[in-house]
């Protein structure tokens, strides 16, 4: 489980990040990223660090596969918290290929997406 300060708390946060943020994709995930310090109308104080929201739809697989994919993505995202700016909001949408991907595949693809967005060095 992600700590509370690293999770989105409302559907509006998902929508805002998807609509106003930048997007890139890989084989297994699509990542929407937004720096909320520059966003108008966004809350300014996020002392807990970067926040992440996950979207894992039925296209990924049955309930067992979706939950396994969500657990893997949460673990992979938590490993990036120290490297991300604290004002970063991310929405990670799992693509159908994510259901069959290993944790290392998901980490590699997420790292690649964050580099494309120039969030990770």
N, C-alpha and C. Protein backbone atom coordinates (compact mmCIF):
# COMPACT_ATOMS: atom_id res chain seq x y z
N UNK A 1 0.82 -1.18 0.00
CA UNK A 1 0.00 0.00 0.00
C UNK A 1 0.87 1.25 0.00
N UNK A 2 0.44 2.25 -0.74
CA UNK A 2 1.16 3.51 -0.75
C UNK A 2 0.78 4.33 0.48
N UNK A 3 1.74 5.05 1.05
CA UNK A 3 1.40 5.95 2.15
C UNK A 3 0.40 7.00 1.69
N UNK A 4 -0.41 7.48 2.61
CA UNK A 4 -1.49 8.40 2.27
C UNK A 4 -1.00 9.66 1.56
N UNK A 5 0.16 10.18 1.96
CA UNK A 5 0.65 11.42 1.35
C UNK A 5 1.08 11.22 -0.10
N UNK A 6 1.18 9.97 -0.56
CA UNK A 6 1.60 9.67 -1.93
C UNK A 6 0.44 9.20 -2.81
N UNK A 7 -0.80 9.29 -2.31
CA UNK A 7 -1.96 8.83 -3.08
C UNK A 7 -2.87 9.97 -3.45
N UNK A 8 -3.54 9.83 -4.57
CA UNK A 8 -4.60 10.77 -4.93
C UNK A 8 -5.79 10.47 -4.02
N UNK A 9 -6.53 11.53 -3.68
CA UNK A 9 -7.64 11.33 -2.76
C UNK A 9 -9.00 11.58 -3.40
N UNK A 10 -9.03 12.07 -4.64
CA UNK A 10 -10.32 12.32 -5.27
C UNK A 10 -10.23 12.11 -6.78
N UNK A 11 -11.35 11.80 -7.40
CA UNK A 11 -11.36 11.66 -8.86
C UNK A 11 -10.96 12.95 -9.58
N UNK A 12 -11.20 14.09 -8.96
CA UNK A 12 -10.82 15.37 -9.58
C UNK A 12 -9.31 15.47 -9.78
N UNK A 13 -8.54 14.88 -8.87
CA UNK A 13 -7.08 14.90 -9.01
C UNK A 13 -6.64 14.06 -10.21
N UNK A 14 -7.29 12.93 -10.43
CA UNK A 14 -7.02 12.12 -11.62
C UNK A 14 -7.32 12.93 -12.88
N UNK A 15 -8.51 13.52 -12.92
CA UNK A 15 -8.94 14.29 -14.09
C UNK A 15 -8.01 15.46 -14.37
N UNK A 16 -7.65 16.18 -13.35
CA UNK A 16 -6.78 17.35 -13.52
C UNK A 16 -5.43 16.93 -14.08
N UNK A 17 -4.86 15.86 -13.57
CA UNK A 17 -3.55 15.41 -14.04
C UNK A 17 -3.63 14.90 -15.47
N UNK A 18 -4.68 14.18 -15.80
CA UNK A 18 -4.83 13.65 -17.16
C UNK A 18 -5.07 14.78 -18.15
N UNK A 19 -5.89 15.75 -17.80
CA UNK A 19 -6.24 16.83 -18.73
C UNK A 19 -5.12 17.86 -18.88
N UNK A 20 -4.48 18.23 -17.79
CA UNK A 20 -3.49 19.32 -17.82
C UNK A 20 -2.05 18.85 -17.91
N UNK A 21 -1.81 17.58 -17.62
CA UNK A 21 -0.44 17.09 -17.60
C UNK A 21 0.07 16.65 -18.96
N UNK A 22 1.33 16.29 -18.98
CA UNK A 22 1.93 15.75 -20.20
C UNK A 22 1.80 14.24 -20.15
N UNK A 23 1.83 13.60 -21.36
CA UNK A 23 1.58 12.16 -21.43
C UNK A 23 2.62 11.51 -22.32
N UNK A 24 3.00 10.31 -21.93
CA UNK A 24 3.84 9.46 -22.78
C UNK A 24 3.50 8.01 -22.48
N UNK A 25 3.82 7.15 -23.42
CA UNK A 25 3.48 5.75 -23.25
C UNK A 25 4.63 4.82 -23.58
N UNK A 26 4.52 3.62 -23.06
CA UNK A 26 5.44 2.54 -23.37
C UNK A 26 4.59 1.32 -23.69
N UNK A 27 5.23 0.18 -23.76
CA UNK A 27 4.51 -1.04 -24.12
C UNK A 27 3.48 -1.43 -23.05
N UNK A 28 3.78 -1.16 -21.78
CA UNK A 28 2.91 -1.64 -20.70
C UNK A 28 2.14 -0.55 -19.97
N UNK A 29 2.60 0.70 -20.04
CA UNK A 29 1.93 1.77 -19.28
C UNK A 29 1.87 3.07 -20.07
N UNK A 30 0.88 3.89 -19.72
CA UNK A 30 0.81 5.28 -20.17
C UNK A 30 0.92 6.12 -18.91
N UNK A 31 1.81 7.11 -18.93
CA UNK A 31 2.05 7.94 -17.76
C UNK A 31 1.64 9.37 -18.08
N UNK A 32 0.79 9.93 -17.22
CA UNK A 32 0.40 11.34 -17.28
C UNK A 32 1.10 12.01 -16.10
N UNK A 33 1.83 13.09 -16.36
CA UNK A 33 2.57 13.77 -15.30
C UNK A 33 2.25 15.25 -15.31
N UNK A 34 2.17 15.82 -14.11
CA UNK A 34 1.90 17.24 -13.97
C UNK A 34 2.65 17.77 -12.76
N UNK A 35 3.23 18.94 -12.93
CA UNK A 35 3.85 19.63 -11.81
C UNK A 35 2.78 20.54 -11.22
N UNK A 36 2.22 20.15 -10.07
CA UNK A 36 1.08 20.90 -9.54
C UNK A 36 1.47 22.25 -8.96
N UNK A 37 2.75 22.54 -8.82
CA UNK A 37 3.14 23.87 -8.32
C UNK A 37 2.88 24.94 -9.38
N UNK A 38 2.84 24.53 -10.66
CA UNK A 38 2.58 25.48 -11.75
C UNK A 38 1.13 25.50 -12.19
N UNK A 39 0.33 24.56 -11.71
CA UNK A 39 -1.06 24.45 -12.15
C UNK A 39 -1.94 25.45 -11.42
N UNK A 40 -2.73 26.19 -12.17
CA UNK A 40 -3.66 27.14 -11.57
C UNK A 40 -4.80 26.38 -10.90
N UNK A 41 -5.15 26.80 -9.71
CA UNK A 41 -6.27 26.19 -9.00
C UNK A 41 -5.91 24.92 -8.26
N UNK A 42 -4.68 24.48 -8.38
CA UNK A 42 -4.26 23.26 -7.68
C UNK A 42 -3.77 23.64 -6.28
N UNK A 43 -3.94 22.73 -5.38
CA UNK A 43 -3.46 22.98 -4.03
C UNK A 43 -1.94 23.04 -4.04
N UNK A 44 -1.38 23.93 -3.26
CA UNK A 44 0.04 24.21 -3.34
C UNK A 44 0.86 23.37 -2.35
N UNK A 45 0.33 23.06 -1.21
CA UNK A 45 1.14 22.40 -0.19
C UNK A 45 1.07 20.89 -0.30
N UNK A 46 2.17 20.32 -0.72
CA UNK A 46 2.32 18.86 -0.72
C UNK A 46 3.64 18.55 -0.08
N UNK A 47 3.63 18.49 1.22
CA UNK A 47 4.87 18.28 1.94
C UNK A 47 5.25 16.81 1.96
N UNK A 48 4.33 15.93 1.61
CA UNK A 48 4.62 14.51 1.68
C UNK A 48 5.38 13.97 0.50
N UNK A 49 5.45 14.71 -0.58
CA UNK A 49 6.19 14.25 -1.74
C UNK A 49 5.31 14.02 -2.94
N UNK A 50 5.84 13.35 -3.96
CA UNK A 50 5.07 13.12 -5.18
C UNK A 50 3.85 12.25 -4.91
N UNK A 51 2.81 12.43 -5.74
CA UNK A 51 1.60 11.63 -5.58
C UNK A 51 1.35 10.82 -6.83
N UNK A 52 0.77 9.64 -6.64
CA UNK A 52 0.55 8.71 -7.74
C UNK A 52 -0.88 8.20 -7.69
N UNK A 53 -1.49 8.09 -8.86
CA UNK A 53 -2.79 7.44 -9.02
C UNK A 53 -2.65 6.34 -10.06
N UNK A 54 -3.23 5.19 -9.81
CA UNK A 54 -3.14 4.06 -10.73
C UNK A 54 -4.50 3.79 -11.37
N UNK A 55 -4.46 3.45 -12.66
CA UNK A 55 -5.66 3.02 -13.38
C UNK A 55 -5.35 1.67 -13.99
N UNK A 56 -6.05 0.65 -13.52
CA UNK A 56 -5.87 -0.71 -14.04
C UNK A 56 -7.27 -1.22 -14.41
N UNK A 57 -7.58 -1.18 -15.70
CA UNK A 57 -8.93 -1.52 -16.16
C UNK A 57 -9.07 -3.02 -16.41
N UNK A 58 -10.29 -3.43 -16.74
CA UNK A 58 -10.57 -4.83 -17.03
C UNK A 58 -9.86 -5.32 -18.28
N UNK A 59 -9.38 -4.40 -19.12
CA UNK A 59 -8.63 -4.79 -20.31
C UNK A 59 -7.31 -5.47 -19.95
N UNK A 60 -6.82 -5.23 -18.74
CA UNK A 60 -5.57 -5.84 -18.28
C UNK A 60 -5.76 -7.32 -17.99
N UNK A 61 -6.92 -7.71 -17.52
CA UNK A 61 -7.18 -9.11 -17.22
C UNK A 61 -8.26 -9.26 -16.16
N UNK A 62 -8.38 -10.48 -15.65
CA UNK A 62 -9.39 -10.72 -14.63
C UNK A 62 -8.97 -10.08 -13.30
N UNK A 63 -9.77 -10.23 -12.27
CA UNK A 63 -9.52 -9.56 -11.00
C UNK A 63 -8.16 -9.93 -10.40
N UNK A 64 -7.79 -11.19 -10.49
CA UNK A 64 -6.52 -11.63 -9.92
C UNK A 64 -5.36 -10.94 -10.62
N UNK A 65 -5.41 -10.88 -11.93
CA UNK A 65 -4.33 -10.25 -12.71
C UNK A 65 -4.31 -8.75 -12.47
N UNK A 66 -5.48 -8.12 -12.40
CA UNK A 66 -5.53 -6.68 -12.15
C UNK A 66 -4.95 -6.33 -10.79
N UNK A 67 -5.30 -7.09 -9.77
CA UNK A 67 -4.77 -6.81 -8.43
C UNK A 67 -3.27 -7.05 -8.36
N UNK A 68 -2.81 -8.10 -9.00
CA UNK A 68 -1.37 -8.38 -9.03
C UNK A 68 -0.64 -7.24 -9.75
N UNK A 69 -1.19 -6.79 -10.87
CA UNK A 69 -0.59 -5.69 -11.62
C UNK A 69 -0.58 -4.41 -10.79
N UNK A 70 -1.66 -4.14 -10.08
CA UNK A 70 -1.72 -2.95 -9.22
C UNK A 70 -0.67 -3.02 -8.12
N UNK A 71 -0.52 -4.17 -7.48
CA UNK A 71 0.49 -4.33 -6.43
C UNK A 71 1.89 -4.09 -6.99
N UNK A 72 2.15 -4.65 -8.16
CA UNK A 72 3.47 -4.46 -8.78
C UNK A 72 3.71 -3.00 -9.12
N UNK A 73 2.72 -2.34 -9.69
CA UNK A 73 2.87 -0.93 -10.04
C UNK A 73 3.06 -0.06 -8.80
N UNK A 74 2.33 -0.34 -7.72
CA UNK A 74 2.51 0.41 -6.48
C UNK A 74 3.94 0.27 -5.97
N UNK A 75 4.45 -0.95 -6.00
CA UNK A 75 5.81 -1.20 -5.53
C UNK A 75 6.83 -0.46 -6.40
N UNK A 76 6.66 -0.53 -7.70
CA UNK A 76 7.58 0.13 -8.63
C UNK A 76 7.51 1.65 -8.44
N UNK A 77 6.31 2.20 -8.33
CA UNK A 77 6.16 3.64 -8.14
C UNK A 77 6.81 4.10 -6.83
N UNK A 78 6.66 3.31 -5.79
CA UNK A 78 7.23 3.71 -4.50
C UNK A 78 8.76 3.74 -4.55
N UNK A 79 9.36 2.97 -5.44
CA UNK A 79 10.82 2.99 -5.54
C UNK A 79 11.33 4.27 -6.20
N UNK A 80 10.47 5.04 -6.86
CA UNK A 80 10.86 6.29 -7.51
C UNK A 80 10.62 7.52 -6.65
N UNK A 81 10.00 7.40 -5.50
CA UNK A 81 9.62 8.57 -4.71
C UNK A 81 10.81 9.46 -4.35
N UNK A 82 11.96 8.87 -4.06
CA UNK A 82 13.11 9.67 -3.69
C UNK A 82 13.70 10.43 -4.87
N UNK A 83 13.44 9.96 -6.08
CA UNK A 83 14.02 10.57 -7.28
C UNK A 83 13.11 11.60 -7.95
N UNK A 84 11.84 11.66 -7.55
CA UNK A 84 10.87 12.57 -8.19
C UNK A 84 10.76 13.87 -7.40
N UNK A 85 10.54 14.99 -8.10
CA UNK A 85 10.27 16.24 -7.38
C UNK A 85 9.00 16.10 -6.53
N UNK A 86 8.98 16.78 -5.39
CA UNK A 86 7.83 16.60 -4.48
C UNK A 86 6.55 17.21 -5.03
N UNK A 87 6.64 18.03 -6.05
CA UNK A 87 5.46 18.66 -6.63
C UNK A 87 4.90 17.88 -7.82
N UNK A 88 5.35 16.66 -8.01
CA UNK A 88 4.93 15.86 -9.15
C UNK A 88 3.67 15.06 -8.83
N UNK A 89 2.71 15.11 -9.76
CA UNK A 89 1.54 14.24 -9.72
C UNK A 89 1.63 13.32 -10.93
N UNK A 90 1.45 12.01 -10.70
CA UNK A 90 1.51 11.02 -11.78
C UNK A 90 0.23 10.21 -11.80
N UNK A 91 -0.27 9.95 -12.99
CA UNK A 91 -1.32 8.95 -13.19
C UNK A 91 -0.70 7.89 -14.08
N UNK A 92 -0.67 6.65 -13.59
CA UNK A 92 -0.10 5.54 -14.34
C UNK A 92 -1.26 4.65 -14.77
N UNK A 93 -1.47 4.55 -16.08
CA UNK A 93 -2.54 3.70 -16.63
C UNK A 93 -1.91 2.45 -17.21
N UNK A 94 -2.31 1.30 -16.69
CA UNK A 94 -1.79 0.03 -17.17
C UNK A 94 -2.45 -0.35 -18.49
N UNK A 95 -1.64 -0.75 -19.44
CA UNK A 95 -2.15 -1.25 -20.72
C UNK A 95 -2.32 -2.76 -20.63
N UNK A 96 -3.04 -3.39 -21.57
CA UNK A 96 -3.25 -4.84 -21.48
C UNK A 96 -1.96 -5.65 -21.35
N UNK A 97 -0.87 -5.21 -21.94
CA UNK A 97 0.40 -5.94 -21.84
C UNK A 97 0.96 -5.95 -20.42
N UNK A 98 0.51 -5.03 -19.57
CA UNK A 98 1.00 -4.97 -18.19
C UNK A 98 0.59 -6.20 -17.39
N UNK A 99 -0.52 -6.82 -17.75
CA UNK A 99 -0.99 -8.00 -17.02
C UNK A 99 -0.03 -9.17 -17.11
N UNK A 100 0.69 -9.28 -18.20
CA UNK A 100 1.64 -10.38 -18.39
C UNK A 100 3.08 -9.96 -18.11
N UNK A 101 3.31 -8.70 -17.80
CA UNK A 101 4.66 -8.18 -17.59
C UNK A 101 5.15 -8.49 -16.18
N UNK A 102 6.45 -8.68 -16.07
CA UNK A 102 7.06 -8.89 -14.75
C UNK A 102 7.28 -7.53 -14.08
N UNK A 103 7.63 -7.56 -12.81
CA UNK A 103 7.91 -6.32 -12.09
C UNK A 103 9.07 -5.57 -12.73
N UNK A 104 10.09 -6.30 -13.16
CA UNK A 104 11.24 -5.63 -13.79
C UNK A 104 10.85 -4.99 -15.11
N UNK A 105 9.94 -5.62 -15.87
CA UNK A 105 9.45 -5.02 -17.12
C UNK A 105 8.68 -3.74 -16.83
N UNK A 106 7.83 -3.78 -15.80
CA UNK A 106 7.06 -2.60 -15.44
C UNK A 106 7.98 -1.47 -14.96
N UNK A 107 8.99 -1.82 -14.18
CA UNK A 107 9.93 -0.81 -13.70
C UNK A 107 10.70 -0.19 -14.87
N UNK A 108 11.16 -1.02 -15.79
CA UNK A 108 11.90 -0.52 -16.95
C UNK A 108 11.02 0.42 -17.79
N UNK A 109 9.77 0.02 -18.03
CA UNK A 109 8.87 0.85 -18.84
C UNK A 109 8.50 2.15 -18.13
N UNK A 110 8.27 2.08 -16.83
CA UNK A 110 7.94 3.29 -16.09
C UNK A 110 9.14 4.24 -16.05
N UNK A 111 10.32 3.70 -15.86
CA UNK A 111 11.54 4.52 -15.86
C UNK A 111 11.72 5.19 -17.23
N UNK A 112 11.48 4.44 -18.30
CA UNK A 112 11.60 4.98 -19.65
C UNK A 112 10.59 6.11 -19.86
N UNK A 113 9.36 5.92 -19.41
CA UNK A 113 8.33 6.95 -19.56
C UNK A 113 8.69 8.21 -18.77
N UNK A 114 9.20 8.06 -17.56
CA UNK A 114 9.57 9.21 -16.75
C UNK A 114 10.76 9.95 -17.36
N UNK A 115 11.66 9.23 -17.99
CA UNK A 115 12.77 9.89 -18.69
C UNK A 115 12.27 10.68 -19.91
N UNK A 116 11.31 10.10 -20.65
CA UNK A 116 10.74 10.80 -21.81
C UNK A 116 10.10 12.12 -21.37
N UNK A 117 9.48 12.10 -20.21
CA UNK A 117 8.83 13.29 -19.70
C UNK A 117 9.81 14.25 -19.00
N UNK A 118 11.08 13.86 -18.98
CA UNK A 118 12.15 14.66 -18.36
C UNK A 118 11.91 14.89 -16.87
N UNK A 119 11.31 13.91 -16.21
CA UNK A 119 11.09 13.99 -14.78
C UNK A 119 12.21 13.27 -14.04
N UNK A 120 12.69 12.22 -14.64
CA UNK A 120 13.75 11.40 -14.06
C UNK A 120 15.00 11.58 -14.89
N UNK A 121 16.14 11.67 -14.24
CA UNK A 121 17.41 11.85 -14.96
C UNK A 121 18.01 10.61 -15.50
